[in-house]
Amino acid sequence: MPKSMTGYGKLDYVDENYRISCEIKTVNSKVLDVSVSLPYYLSGKENLATSIVSKYVKRGKVHVKINTRFLKPVELKIDFAMARSYFEVLESIRESLNIQSSINLSDILVFREIFHSELDSDEIERLWNKVVKVLENTLEVVDKERQIEGEKLSKDLKKLVDKLMDISNEIEKYSHLLKQEIAKRIKENVEEILPENVELDANQFETAVALIADKADIREEIVRLKSHLNRCKELLNQNNPVGTLLNFLSQEIHRELNTILSKSRMLEISNLAIDGKFVNSQIKEQVQNIE
């Protein structure tokens, strides 16, 4: 069955060298939109992370947040030129505002830009390999949740499609009575207008009925409507991303129901078409959550 576009997963990993956490949220979107938040020293891996996500998610907005901590000492370097610049700026502010207290080391240490961790390429690759595993495991958690939610959505959608198919069958039944209903109404209207001693010309009557019935003929719309509904059923039994196709079909169903409603010459058909549009609006709303 199709998957839902909404899901959430969070995993933590700890070994003797690293602590890694990965949090993933997925929400509805017309296309695949992936945003990845990584530590600055892994920023060059953003495209790789996005590529990994795209193997699990085909449609939706995906927010990935990855945090890492080193549990072993990491070499730090100090940018003394920047530290001196900060000191001189702080000293200038102190003199301008006539502040009596002197500038302390703690005043400078708040500026994190003066510290730089030196990670060689081997260290980055070792960390990245760990991150990839945590990312993939988190994506599997999210994917499972999206599968479970997708099954619920598919069951609800199937019920709505079946309900709309029942309405279509009812419309089809009344459509077979359409010509008789038109003939009855024309005859009643003509009898109200014509004098009692004037007889209705049978040929003209049949021609009028045929012309109006042809304009009110909804058989093609019913065939297309049922075809769209059967296609929806097929898609809801697939394991592929079908949300875009289902959304397109719901638009086509809406179009056919509108045409039936505009052509309708029977109150029963009009009421059924309105009911069908309501059910289809529920289908369209649910489809927005399908991948």
Protein backbone atom coordinates (compact mmCIF):
# COMPACT_ATOMS: atom_id res chain seq x y z
CA MET A 1 0.00 0.00 0.00
CA PRO A 2 1.11 3.63 -0.47
CA LYS A 3 2.90 5.39 2.36
CA SER A 4 1.89 8.48 4.27
CA MET A 5 4.03 11.59 3.85
CA THR A 6 4.07 12.29 7.59
CA GLY A 7 6.51 10.55 9.89
CA TYR A 8 8.98 11.07 12.71
CA GLY A 9 12.05 9.29 14.01
CA LYS A 10 14.90 9.99 16.41
CA LEU A 11 17.88 7.80 17.29
CA ASP A 12 21.01 8.22 19.41
CA TYR A 13 24.31 6.39 18.98
CA VAL A 14 27.24 6.35 21.40
CA ASP A 15 30.62 4.61 21.26
CA GLU A 16 34.00 5.30 22.79
CA ASN A 17 34.72 8.10 20.31
CA TYR A 18 31.44 9.77 19.31
CA ARG A 19 27.94 10.64 20.39
CA ILE A 20 25.62 11.01 17.39
CA SER A 21 21.95 11.94 17.35
CA CYS A 22 19.66 12.05 14.32
CA GLU A 23 16.14 13.49 14.23
CA ILE A 24 13.95 13.30 11.11
CA LYS A 25 10.52 14.82 10.49
CA THR A 26 8.53 14.40 7.27
CA VAL A 27 5.45 16.40 6.31
CA ASN A 28 3.27 16.94 3.24
CA SER A 29 4.67 18.55 0.11
CA LYS A 30 3.93 18.38 -3.61
CA VAL A 31 7.55 17.42 -4.34
CA LEU A 32 10.55 16.01 -2.49
CA ASP A 33 12.11 18.80 -0.44
CA VAL A 34 15.00 17.77 1.82
CA SER A 35 16.73 20.06 4.31
CA VAL A 36 19.74 18.73 6.22
CA SER A 37 21.35 20.31 9.28
CA LEU A 38 24.92 19.08 9.91
CA PRO A 39 27.83 20.22 12.09
CA TYR A 40 30.07 22.67 10.22
CA TYR A 41 32.87 20.12 9.85
CA LEU A 42 30.46 17.80 7.97
CA SER A 43 28.90 20.51 5.80
CA GLY A 44 30.57 19.04 2.72
CA LYS A 45 28.48 15.88 3.18
CA GLU A 46 25.09 17.59 2.79
CA ASN A 47 24.53 16.38 -0.78
CA LEU A 48 25.43 12.82 0.22
CA ALA A 49 22.97 12.97 3.11
CA THR A 50 20.24 14.27 0.79
CA SER A 51 20.96 11.43 -1.64
CA ILE A 52 20.56 8.87 1.16
CA VAL A 53 17.24 10.40 2.22
CA SER A 54 15.93 10.26 -1.36
CA LYS A 55 16.33 6.45 -1.35
CA TYR A 56 13.72 6.21 1.41
CA VAL A 57 11.45 9.19 0.70
CA LYS A 58 10.11 10.02 -2.77
CA ARG A 59 7.71 12.86 -1.97
CA GLY A 60 7.25 15.24 0.95
CA LYS A 61 9.21 17.79 2.95
CA VAL A 62 11.96 16.17 5.02
CA HIS A 63 13.80 17.88 7.89
CA VAL A 64 16.98 16.11 9.00
CA LYS A 65 18.95 17.30 12.01
CA ILE A 66 22.22 15.57 12.91
CA ASN A 67 24.32 16.46 15.95
CA THR A 68 27.70 14.97 16.84
CA ARG A 69 29.96 15.20 19.88
CA PHE A 70 33.50 13.97 20.27
CA LEU A 71 34.09 11.87 23.38
CA LYS A 72 37.85 12.01 22.91
CA PRO A 73 40.16 15.05 22.97
CA VAL A 74 40.15 17.06 19.76
CA GLU A 75 43.01 19.39 18.82
CA LEU A 76 42.01 23.03 19.05
CA LYS A 77 43.71 26.00 17.46
CA ILE A 78 43.29 29.61 18.54
CA ASP A 79 43.04 32.50 16.13
CA PHE A 80 45.15 34.98 18.11
CA ALA A 81 44.70 37.72 15.51
CA MET A 82 40.93 37.53 15.88
CA ALA A 83 41.24 37.31 19.67
CA ARG A 84 43.36 40.50 19.64
CA SER A 85 40.79 42.22 17.42
CA TYR A 86 38.01 41.39 19.86
CA PHE A 87 40.14 42.63 22.75
CA GLU A 88 40.86 45.93 21.03
CA VAL A 89 37.18 46.46 20.21
CA LEU A 90 36.17 45.72 23.79
CA GLU A 91 38.90 48.04 25.08
CA SER A 92 37.67 50.81 22.76
CA ILE A 93 34.12 50.37 24.07
CA ARG A 94 35.40 50.48 27.67
CA GLU A 95 37.27 53.75 27.08
CA SER A 96 34.42 55.37 25.15
CA LEU A 97 31.90 54.58 27.87
CA ASN A 98 34.41 55.42 30.64
CA ILE A 99 34.05 51.97 32.21
CA GLN A 100 36.49 51.57 35.07
CA SER A 101 36.77 47.77 35.15
CA SER A 102 39.38 46.16 32.91
CA ILE A 103 38.83 43.61 30.13
CA ASN A 104 39.17 40.02 31.41
CA LEU A 105 39.98 36.79 29.62
CA SER A 106 36.42 35.59 30.21
CA ASP A 107 35.14 38.55 28.18
CA ILE A 108 37.05 37.31 25.14
CA LEU A 109 36.31 33.61 25.54
CA VAL A 110 32.62 34.16 24.77
CA PHE A 111 33.56 34.66 21.10
CA ARG A 112 33.68 31.10 19.77
CA GLU A 113 35.06 32.21 16.41
CA ILE A 114 38.55 32.39 17.88
CA PHE A 115 38.59 28.59 18.41
CA HIS A 116 39.00 26.12 15.56
CA SER A 117 39.09 22.34 15.76
CA GLU A 118 41.51 20.71 13.39
CA LEU A 119 40.03 17.51 11.99
CA ASP A 120 41.95 15.66 9.35
CA SER A 121 40.17 14.01 6.42
CA ASP A 122 40.54 10.52 7.91
CA GLU A 123 38.85 11.61 11.12
CA ILE A 124 36.00 13.21 9.18
CA GLU A 125 35.48 10.05 7.11
CA ARG A 126 35.42 7.85 10.22
CA LEU A 127 32.82 10.10 11.78
CA TRP A 128 30.81 10.32 8.54
CA ASN A 129 30.65 6.53 8.22
CA LYS A 130 29.11 6.38 11.70
CA VAL A 131 26.69 9.20 10.83
CA VAL A 132 25.55 7.37 7.68
CA LYS A 133 24.56 4.29 9.69
CA VAL A 134 22.64 6.37 12.24
CA LEU A 135 20.94 8.31 9.42
CA GLU A 136 19.89 5.12 7.61
CA ASN A 137 18.61 3.52 10.82
CA THR A 138 16.56 6.63 11.60
CA LEU A 139 15.16 6.67 8.07
CA GLU A 140 14.06 3.05 8.53
CA VAL A 141 12.16 4.06 11.69
CA VAL A 142 10.48 6.92 9.83
CA ASP A 143 9.73 4.69 6.85
CA LYS A 144 8.03 2.10 9.07
CA GLU A 145 5.85 4.77 10.66
CA ARG A 146 4.93 6.13 7.24
CA GLN A 147 3.99 2.62 6.09
CA ILE A 148 1.68 2.07 9.07
CA GLU A 149 0.00 5.45 8.58
CA GLY A 150 -0.21 4.81 4.83
CA GLU A 151 -2.15 1.57 5.42
CA LYS A 152 -4.70 3.45 7.52
CA LEU A 153 -5.06 6.16 4.88
CA SER A 154 -5.42 3.58 2.09
CA LYS A 155 -8.20 1.74 3.94
CA ASP A 156 -10.08 5.01 4.48
CA LEU A 157 -9.61 5.99 0.84
CA LYS A 158 -10.84 2.62 -0.41
CA LYS A 159 -14.04 3.05 1.59
CA LEU A 160 -14.56 6.50 0.08
CA VAL A 161 -13.88 5.21 -3.45
CA ASP A 162 -16.37 2.38 -2.91
CA LYS A 163 -18.93 4.87 -1.66
CA LEU A 164 -18.42 7.02 -4.74
CA MET A 165 -18.70 3.94 -6.96
CA ASP A 166 -22.09 3.18 -5.36
CA ILE A 167 -23.20 6.73 -6.13
CA SER A 168 -21.99 6.31 -9.73
CA ASN A 169 -24.02 3.11 -10.08
CA GLU A 170 -27.12 4.92 -8.80
CA ILE A 171 -26.56 7.75 -11.29
CA GLU A 172 -26.24 5.16 -14.05
CA LYS A 173 -29.57 3.58 -13.07
CA TYR A 174 -31.37 6.91 -13.27
CA SER A 175 -29.64 7.78 -16.54
CA HIS A 176 -31.52 4.92 -18.23
CA LEU A 177 -34.77 6.64 -17.24
CA LEU A 178 -33.61 10.02 -18.47
CA LYS A 179 -35.25 9.89 -21.92
CA GLN A 180 -38.57 8.83 -20.44
CA GLU A 181 -38.40 11.63 -17.88
CA ILE A 182 -37.63 14.21 -20.56
CA ALA A 183 -40.50 12.99 -22.74
CA LYS A 184 -42.85 13.17 -19.77
CA ARG A 185 -41.85 16.74 -18.92
CA ILE A 186 -42.03 17.97 -22.51
CA LYS A 187 -45.49 16.47 -22.93
CA GLU A 188 -46.70 18.01 -19.68
CA ASN A 189 -45.29 21.43 -20.62
CA VAL A 190 -46.73 21.33 -24.12
CA GLU A 191 -50.17 20.28 -22.88
CA GLU A 192 -50.18 23.26 -20.54
CA ILE A 193 -49.38 25.64 -23.40
CA LEU A 194 -51.39 24.22 -26.33
CA PRO A 195 -55.19 24.58 -26.54
CA GLU A 196 -57.15 21.43 -25.71
CA ASN A 197 -58.32 20.90 -29.29
CA VAL A 198 -54.75 20.93 -30.75
CA GLU A 199 -53.07 17.57 -31.07
CA LEU A 200 -49.32 17.11 -30.51
CA ASP A 201 -47.40 16.11 -33.64
CA ALA A 202 -45.76 12.77 -32.85
CA ASN A 203 -42.75 13.28 -35.13
CA GLN A 204 -42.00 16.74 -33.79
CA PHE A 205 -42.42 15.46 -30.27
CA GLU A 206 -39.95 12.60 -30.82
CA THR A 207 -37.46 14.98 -32.46
CA ALA A 208 -37.67 17.40 -29.53
CA VAL A 209 -37.21 14.59 -27.03
CA ALA A 210 -34.24 13.20 -28.96
CA LEU A 211 -32.50 16.61 -29.14
CA ILE A 212 -32.89 17.35 -25.45
CA ALA A 213 -32.00 13.80 -24.45
CA ASP A 214 -28.83 13.99 -26.55
CA LYS A 215 -27.71 17.14 -24.75
CA ALA A 216 -28.54 15.55 -21.40
CA ASP A 217 -26.81 12.25 -22.20
CA ILE A 218 -24.30 11.47 -19.40
CA ARG A 219 -23.29 7.94 -20.40
CA GLU A 220 -19.76 8.96 -21.43
CA GLU A 221 -19.25 10.86 -18.19
CA ILE A 222 -20.37 7.83 -16.19
CA VAL A 223 -17.98 5.54 -18.09
CA ARG A 224 -15.05 7.90 -17.45
CA LEU A 225 -16.06 8.37 -13.81
CA LYS A 226 -16.08 4.62 -13.17
CA SER A 227 -12.80 4.24 -15.03
CA HIS A 228 -11.17 6.85 -12.75
CA LEU A 229 -12.54 5.13 -9.66
CA ASN A 230 -11.25 1.72 -10.77
CA ARG A 231 -7.85 3.28 -11.41
CA CYS A 232 -7.88 4.70 -7.87
CA LYS A 233 -8.49 1.21 -6.50
CA GLU A 234 -5.56 -0.16 -8.50
CA LEU A 235 -3.22 2.56 -7.24
CA LEU A 236 -4.26 2.05 -3.61
CA ASN A 237 -3.12 -1.57 -3.85
CA GLN A 238 0.36 -0.63 -5.07
CA ASN A 239 3.47 -0.07 -2.96
CA ASN A 240 4.74 2.75 -5.16
CA PRO A 241 4.42 6.51 -4.59
CA VAL A 242 1.01 7.24 -6.14
CA GLY A 243 -0.07 10.42 -4.37
CA THR A 244 0.40 12.66 -7.41
CA LEU A 245 -1.62 10.30 -9.63
CA LEU A 246 -4.40 10.00 -7.04
CA ASN A 247 -4.56 13.78 -6.75
CA PHE A 248 -4.85 14.07 -10.54
CA LEU A 249 -7.62 11.45 -10.61
CA SER A 250 -9.58 13.26 -7.90
CA GLN A 251 -9.50 16.37 -10.10
CA GLU A 252 -10.78 14.36 -13.07
CA ILE A 253 -13.54 12.83 -10.92
CA HIS A 254 -14.55 16.33 -9.85
CA ARG A 255 -14.71 17.39 -13.50
CA GLU A 256 -16.94 14.46 -14.50
CA LEU A 257 -19.31 15.06 -11.59
CA ASN A 258 -19.55 18.74 -12.49
CA THR A 259 -20.42 17.83 -16.08
CA ILE A 260 -23.07 15.35 -14.92
CA LEU A 261 -24.51 18.01 -12.64
CA SER A 262 -24.64 20.61 -15.42
CA LYS A 263 -26.29 18.19 -17.87
CA SER A 264 -28.71 16.72 -15.36
CA ARG A 265 -32.41 16.93 -16.13
CA MET A 266 -33.46 14.83 -13.14
CA LEU A 267 -33.47 15.91 -9.51
CA GLU A 268 -32.32 12.45 -8.42
CA ILE A 269 -29.21 12.65 -10.60
CA SER A 270 -28.45 16.19 -9.40
CA ASN A 271 -28.67 15.15 -5.76
CA LEU A 272 -26.44 12.11 -6.36
CA ALA A 273 -23.86 14.22 -8.21
CA ILE A 274 -23.75 16.66 -5.29
CA ASP A 275 -23.29 13.75 -2.87
CA GLY A 276 -20.52 12.45 -5.12
CA LYS A 277 -18.73 15.82 -5.08
CA PHE A 278 -18.82 15.81 -1.29
CA VAL A 279 -17.30 12.33 -1.11
CA ASN A 280 -14.68 13.30 -3.69
CA SER A 281 -13.72 16.33 -1.59
CA GLN A 282 -12.97 13.90 1.25
CA ILE A 283 -10.89 11.78 -1.13
CA LYS A 284 -8.93 14.81 -2.31
CA GLU A 285 -8.24 15.86 1.28
CA GLN A 286 -6.94 12.42 2.23
CA VAL A 287 -4.87 12.09 -0.93
CA GLN A 288 -2.80 15.11 0.13
CA ASN A 289 -1.25 12.89 2.82
CA ILE A 290 -0.23 10.08 0.44
CA GLU A 291 3.35 9.90 -0.86
